[in-house]
Amino acid sequence: SSAEPALLLTTVAHAGAGEQGEAERMLARLEEMAARRYVSPTLVAQACTALGRHDEAFVALDRAVTEGALDAVWVDTRPTFAALRADPRYAGIRAALGFDKARRERETGAGLRA
């Protein structure tokens, strides 16, 4: 539903404004939704990252990869995930999503057909 992305944006906004308590409450609501119905683990990972809960964010990203969450393909473009990119675990997420292979193929022209 559209409630999850809106809740994520609210969580990120509160975290960015330094309103940690409110951001934590929004994350708790998102997690409650996830307990009742499908909520993309990528959304949960973004909220956790915004709150500085990086270990939890990586757990959620691992779940997103395992579950084949469609929105996981956007991790490299989401500004929220910039805080994770220096962590060695991020390279593992990228590799699991096939980003490095796709980049190598673009750079070498491998996989292109005439």
N, C-alpha and C. Protein backbone atom coordinates (compact mmCIF):
# COMPACT_ATOMS: atom_id res chain seq x y z
N SER A 1 0.84 -1.19 0.00
CA SER A 1 0.00 0.00 0.00
C SER A 1 0.88 1.24 0.00
N SER A 2 0.27 2.40 -0.15
CA SER A 2 1.04 3.64 -0.18
C SER A 2 1.39 4.12 1.22
N ALA A 3 0.85 3.48 2.25
CA ALA A 3 1.14 3.89 3.62
C ALA A 3 2.60 3.66 4.00
N GLU A 4 3.19 2.57 3.51
CA GLU A 4 4.57 2.26 3.90
C GLU A 4 5.57 3.29 3.41
N PRO A 5 5.56 3.66 2.11
CA PRO A 5 6.51 4.69 1.68
C PRO A 5 6.30 6.02 2.39
N ALA A 6 5.06 6.38 2.63
CA ALA A 6 4.78 7.64 3.34
C ALA A 6 5.33 7.58 4.77
N LEU A 7 5.16 6.44 5.42
CA LEU A 7 5.68 6.27 6.77
C LEU A 7 7.21 6.30 6.77
N LEU A 8 7.81 5.71 5.75
CA LEU A 8 9.27 5.75 5.63
C LEU A 8 9.74 7.19 5.50
N LEU A 9 9.12 7.95 4.61
CA LEU A 9 9.53 9.34 4.41
C LEU A 9 9.39 10.16 5.69
N THR A 10 8.33 9.89 6.43
CA THR A 10 8.13 10.58 7.70
C THR A 10 9.22 10.20 8.69
N THR A 11 9.58 8.93 8.72
CA THR A 11 10.64 8.46 9.62
C THR A 11 11.95 9.14 9.28
N VAL A 12 12.30 9.15 7.99
CA VAL A 12 13.55 9.77 7.54
C VAL A 12 13.55 11.26 7.85
N ALA A 13 12.43 11.92 7.64
CA ALA A 13 12.34 13.36 7.91
C ALA A 13 12.55 13.65 9.39
N HIS A 14 11.90 12.88 10.25
CA HIS A 14 12.07 13.09 11.69
C HIS A 14 13.51 12.82 12.11
N ALA A 15 14.11 11.76 11.57
CA ALA A 15 15.50 11.45 11.91
C ALA A 15 16.42 12.57 11.45
N GLY A 16 16.19 13.07 10.24
CA GLY A 16 17.01 14.15 9.70
C GLY A 16 16.88 15.44 10.48
N ALA A 17 15.71 15.64 11.09
CA ALA A 17 15.47 16.85 11.89
C ALA A 17 15.95 16.68 13.33
N GLY A 18 16.54 15.51 13.62
CA GLY A 18 17.02 15.27 14.97
C GLY A 18 15.94 14.87 15.95
N GLU A 19 14.76 14.55 15.44
CA GLU A 19 13.64 14.13 16.28
C GLU A 19 13.66 12.61 16.43
N GLN A 20 14.68 12.13 17.15
CA GLN A 20 14.94 10.70 17.27
C GLN A 20 13.74 9.94 17.83
N GLY A 21 13.13 10.45 18.87
CA GLY A 21 12.00 9.77 19.50
C GLY A 21 10.85 9.56 18.53
N GLU A 22 10.51 10.59 17.79
CA GLU A 22 9.42 10.49 16.83
C GLU A 22 9.79 9.54 15.69
N ALA A 23 11.04 9.61 15.24
CA ALA A 23 11.50 8.72 14.18
C ALA A 23 11.45 7.26 14.65
N GLU A 24 11.83 7.02 15.89
CA GLU A 24 11.76 5.66 16.45
C GLU A 24 10.31 5.17 16.49
N ARG A 25 9.40 6.05 16.84
CA ARG A 25 7.96 5.68 16.87
C ARG A 25 7.47 5.33 15.46
N MET A 26 7.92 6.09 14.47
CA MET A 26 7.52 5.81 13.09
C MET A 26 8.10 4.47 12.63
N LEU A 27 9.34 4.18 12.98
CA LEU A 27 9.94 2.90 12.63
C LEU A 27 9.17 1.76 13.31
N ALA A 28 8.79 1.95 14.55
CA ALA A 28 8.01 0.92 15.26
C ALA A 28 6.69 0.67 14.53
N ARG A 29 6.06 1.72 14.03
CA ARG A 29 4.82 1.54 13.27
C ARG A 29 5.07 0.77 11.98
N LEU A 30 6.17 1.08 11.31
CA LEU A 30 6.52 0.37 10.08
C LEU A 30 6.77 -1.11 10.38
N GLU A 31 7.46 -1.40 11.47
CA GLU A 31 7.72 -2.78 11.85
C GLU A 31 6.44 -3.51 12.24
N GLU A 32 5.50 -2.79 12.88
CA GLU A 32 4.20 -3.40 13.20
C GLU A 32 3.45 -3.76 11.93
N MET A 33 3.49 -2.88 10.94
CA MET A 33 2.86 -3.18 9.65
C MET A 33 3.49 -4.42 9.04
N ALA A 34 4.83 -4.50 9.11
CA ALA A 34 5.55 -5.63 8.52
C ALA A 34 5.20 -6.94 9.20
N ALA A 35 4.80 -6.88 10.45
CA ALA A 35 4.40 -8.10 11.16
C ALA A 35 3.04 -8.60 10.69
N ARG A 36 2.22 -7.70 10.13
CA ARG A 36 0.87 -8.06 9.70
C ARG A 36 0.75 -8.34 8.20
N ARG A 37 1.60 -7.68 7.41
CA ARG A 37 1.53 -7.84 5.96
C ARG A 37 2.91 -7.56 5.37
N TYR A 38 3.04 -7.80 4.09
CA TYR A 38 4.34 -7.59 3.46
C TYR A 38 4.68 -6.10 3.43
N VAL A 39 5.84 -5.81 3.94
CA VAL A 39 6.46 -4.50 3.82
C VAL A 39 7.87 -4.77 3.32
N SER A 40 8.26 -4.12 2.28
CA SER A 40 9.58 -4.37 1.72
C SER A 40 10.66 -4.17 2.77
N PRO A 41 11.55 -5.15 2.91
CA PRO A 41 12.67 -4.99 3.84
C PRO A 41 13.58 -3.82 3.46
N THR A 42 13.54 -3.41 2.19
CA THR A 42 14.34 -2.27 1.76
C THR A 42 13.85 -0.99 2.44
N LEU A 43 12.53 -0.87 2.60
CA LEU A 43 11.98 0.29 3.31
C LEU A 43 12.41 0.28 4.76
N VAL A 44 12.34 -0.87 5.39
CA VAL A 44 12.76 -0.99 6.78
C VAL A 44 14.24 -0.64 6.90
N ALA A 45 15.05 -1.10 5.95
CA ALA A 45 16.48 -0.81 5.96
C ALA A 45 16.73 0.69 5.85
N GLN A 46 15.97 1.38 5.01
CA GLN A 46 16.14 2.83 4.89
C GLN A 46 15.82 3.52 6.20
N ALA A 47 14.75 3.11 6.84
CA ALA A 47 14.37 3.73 8.11
C ALA A 47 15.44 3.47 9.17
N CYS A 48 15.93 2.25 9.23
CA CYS A 48 16.98 1.91 10.20
C CYS A 48 18.24 2.72 9.94
N THR A 49 18.60 2.88 8.66
CA THR A 49 19.79 3.65 8.30
C THR A 49 19.63 5.10 8.74
N ALA A 50 18.47 5.67 8.49
CA ALA A 50 18.22 7.06 8.87
C ALA A 50 18.37 7.27 10.37
N LEU A 51 18.06 6.22 11.13
CA LEU A 51 18.17 6.30 12.58
C LEU A 51 19.55 5.90 13.10
N GLY A 52 20.46 5.58 12.18
CA GLY A 52 21.79 5.18 12.60
C GLY A 52 21.89 3.75 13.09
N ARG A 53 20.86 2.97 12.84
CA ARG A 53 20.83 1.58 13.27
C ARG A 53 21.33 0.70 12.12
N HIS A 54 22.61 0.80 11.84
CA HIS A 54 23.19 0.19 10.65
C HIS A 54 23.17 -1.33 10.69
N ASP A 55 23.42 -1.93 11.83
CA ASP A 55 23.37 -3.40 11.90
C ASP A 55 21.99 -3.91 11.51
N GLU A 56 20.96 -3.26 12.02
CA GLU A 56 19.59 -3.65 11.67
C GLU A 56 19.30 -3.39 10.20
N ALA A 57 19.87 -2.32 9.67
CA ALA A 57 19.68 -2.01 8.26
C ALA A 57 20.27 -3.12 7.39
N PHE A 58 21.45 -3.60 7.76
CA PHE A 58 22.06 -4.68 6.97
C PHE A 58 21.28 -5.98 7.08
N VAL A 59 20.71 -6.25 8.23
CA VAL A 59 19.86 -7.44 8.37
C VAL A 59 18.67 -7.32 7.42
N ALA A 60 18.07 -6.13 7.37
CA ALA A 60 16.92 -5.92 6.49
C ALA A 60 17.35 -5.98 5.02
N LEU A 61 18.50 -5.44 4.68
CA LEU A 61 18.97 -5.50 3.29
C LEU A 61 19.27 -6.95 2.88
N ASP A 62 19.86 -7.71 3.78
CA ASP A 62 20.08 -9.13 3.49
C ASP A 62 18.76 -9.83 3.21
N ARG A 63 17.75 -9.49 4.00
CA ARG A 63 16.42 -10.08 3.81
C ARG A 63 15.83 -9.63 2.46
N ALA A 64 16.05 -8.38 2.11
CA ALA A 64 15.56 -7.87 0.82
C ALA A 64 16.18 -8.65 -0.33
N VAL A 65 17.48 -8.93 -0.24
CA VAL A 65 18.16 -9.69 -1.28
C VAL A 65 17.60 -11.11 -1.33
N THR A 66 17.51 -11.74 -0.16
CA THR A 66 17.03 -13.12 -0.08
C THR A 66 15.61 -13.26 -0.62
N GLU A 67 14.76 -12.29 -0.28
CA GLU A 67 13.36 -12.33 -0.70
C GLU A 67 13.16 -11.83 -2.13
N GLY A 68 14.19 -11.25 -2.71
CA GLY A 68 14.05 -10.71 -4.06
C GLY A 68 13.19 -9.47 -4.10
N ALA A 69 13.29 -8.63 -3.07
CA ALA A 69 12.50 -7.39 -3.03
C ALA A 69 12.84 -6.54 -4.25
N LEU A 70 11.83 -6.18 -5.01
CA LEU A 70 12.05 -5.45 -6.26
C LEU A 70 12.71 -4.10 -6.05
N ASP A 71 12.42 -3.44 -4.93
CA ASP A 71 12.99 -2.11 -4.71
C ASP A 71 14.43 -2.15 -4.22
N ALA A 72 14.98 -3.34 -3.99
CA ALA A 72 16.38 -3.45 -3.58
C ALA A 72 17.32 -2.95 -4.68
N VAL A 73 16.87 -2.96 -5.93
CA VAL A 73 17.73 -2.51 -7.02
C VAL A 73 18.06 -1.02 -6.92
N TRP A 74 17.36 -0.29 -6.07
CA TRP A 74 17.57 1.15 -5.94
C TRP A 74 18.53 1.51 -4.81
N VAL A 75 19.14 0.54 -4.13
CA VAL A 75 19.97 0.87 -2.97
C VAL A 75 21.12 1.81 -3.32
N ASP A 76 21.66 1.70 -4.51
CA ASP A 76 22.78 2.57 -4.88
C ASP A 76 22.35 4.00 -5.16
N THR A 77 21.09 4.22 -5.40
CA THR A 77 20.63 5.57 -5.74
C THR A 77 19.91 6.27 -4.59
N ARG A 78 19.57 5.55 -3.55
CA ARG A 78 18.86 6.16 -2.42
C ARG A 78 19.86 6.89 -1.51
N PRO A 79 19.69 8.20 -1.36
CA PRO A 79 20.62 8.97 -0.52
C PRO A 79 20.71 8.44 0.92
N THR A 80 19.64 7.90 1.42
CA THR A 80 19.64 7.40 2.79
C THR A 80 20.74 6.36 2.99
N PHE A 81 20.96 5.52 1.97
CA PHE A 81 21.94 4.45 2.10
C PHE A 81 23.39 4.92 2.00
N ALA A 82 23.62 6.20 1.71
CA ALA A 82 24.99 6.72 1.63
C ALA A 82 25.76 6.45 2.92
N ALA A 83 25.07 6.45 4.03
CA ALA A 83 25.72 6.21 5.33
C ALA A 83 26.25 4.78 5.45
N LEU A 84 25.78 3.88 4.61
CA LEU A 84 26.21 2.47 4.67
C LEU A 84 27.32 2.14 3.68
N ARG A 85 27.53 2.97 2.71
CA ARG A 85 28.38 2.60 1.58
C ARG A 85 29.84 2.36 1.93
N ALA A 86 30.34 2.93 3.01
CA ALA A 86 31.74 2.69 3.41
C ALA A 86 31.90 1.39 4.18
N ASP A 87 30.80 0.81 4.62
CA ASP A 87 30.84 -0.44 5.39
C ASP A 87 31.10 -1.60 4.43
N PRO A 88 32.03 -2.49 4.76
CA PRO A 88 32.32 -3.63 3.88
C PRO A 88 31.09 -4.50 3.57
N ARG A 89 30.12 -4.51 4.45
CA ARG A 89 28.92 -5.31 4.20
C ARG A 89 28.13 -4.79 3.01
N TYR A 90 28.27 -3.50 2.73
CA TYR A 90 27.55 -2.91 1.60
C TYR A 90 28.02 -3.51 0.27
N ALA A 91 29.32 -3.75 0.18
CA ALA A 91 29.85 -4.38 -1.04
C ALA A 91 29.23 -5.75 -1.24
N GLY A 92 28.99 -6.47 -0.15
CA GLY A 92 28.33 -7.77 -0.24
C GLY A 92 26.91 -7.67 -0.75
N ILE A 93 26.19 -6.65 -0.32
CA ILE A 93 24.82 -6.42 -0.79
C ILE A 93 24.86 -6.13 -2.29
N ARG A 94 25.77 -5.25 -2.70
CA ARG A 94 25.90 -4.90 -4.13
C ARG A 94 26.20 -6.13 -4.96
N ALA A 95 27.13 -6.95 -4.46
CA ALA A 95 27.50 -8.16 -5.20
C ALA A 95 26.32 -9.12 -5.29
N ALA A 96 25.59 -9.27 -4.20
CA ALA A 96 24.43 -10.18 -4.20
C ALA A 96 23.36 -9.71 -5.17
N LEU A 97 23.27 -8.40 -5.37
CA LEU A 97 22.30 -7.85 -6.32
C LEU A 97 22.83 -7.86 -7.75
N GLY A 98 24.09 -8.23 -7.93
CA GLY A 98 24.67 -8.31 -9.26
C GLY A 98 25.15 -6.99 -9.82
N PHE A 99 25.27 -5.96 -8.96
CA PHE A 99 25.68 -4.64 -9.45
C PHE A 99 27.09 -4.66 -10.01
N ASP A 100 28.01 -5.32 -9.34
CA ASP A 100 29.40 -5.32 -9.80
C ASP A 100 29.53 -6.03 -11.13
N LYS A 101 28.83 -7.14 -11.28
CA LYS A 101 28.86 -7.89 -12.55
C LYS A 101 28.29 -7.02 -13.68
N ALA A 102 27.18 -6.35 -13.42
CA ALA A 102 26.56 -5.50 -14.44
C ALA A 102 27.50 -4.36 -14.83
N ARG A 103 28.19 -3.77 -13.85
CA ARG A 103 29.12 -2.68 -14.15
C ARG A 103 30.27 -3.18 -15.01
N ARG A 104 30.82 -4.35 -14.64
CA ARG A 104 31.93 -4.92 -15.43
C ARG A 104 31.48 -5.19 -16.86
N GLU A 105 30.27 -5.70 -17.02
CA GLU A 105 29.77 -5.99 -18.37
C GLU A 105 29.61 -4.71 -19.18
N ARG A 106 29.14 -3.65 -18.53
CA ARG A 106 29.01 -2.36 -19.24
C ARG A 106 30.38 -1.84 -19.65
N GLU A 107 31.36 -1.96 -18.74
CA GLU A 107 32.70 -1.43 -19.01
C GLU A 107 33.42 -2.22 -20.10
N THR A 108 33.20 -3.51 -20.15
CA THR A 108 33.92 -4.34 -21.12
C THR A 108 33.12 -4.62 -22.38
N GLY A 109 31.83 -4.29 -22.33
CA GLY A 109 30.96 -4.59 -23.46
C GLY A 109 30.51 -6.04 -23.48
N ALA A 110 30.88 -6.80 -22.45
CA ALA A 110 30.46 -8.20 -22.37
C ALA A 110 28.94 -8.24 -22.27
N GLY A 111 28.37 -9.24 -22.88
CA GLY A 111 26.94 -9.41 -22.82
C GLY A 111 26.18 -8.64 -23.88
N LEU A 112 26.88 -7.75 -24.60
CA LEU A 112 26.22 -6.99 -25.65
C LEU A 112 26.17 -7.84 -26.92
N ARG A 113 25.09 -7.74 -27.60
CA ARG A 113 24.92 -8.50 -28.84
C ARG A 113 24.83 -7.51 -30.00
N ALA A 114 25.39 -7.92 -31.11
CA ALA A 114 25.38 -7.05 -32.30
C ALA A 114 24.03 -7.08 -32.96
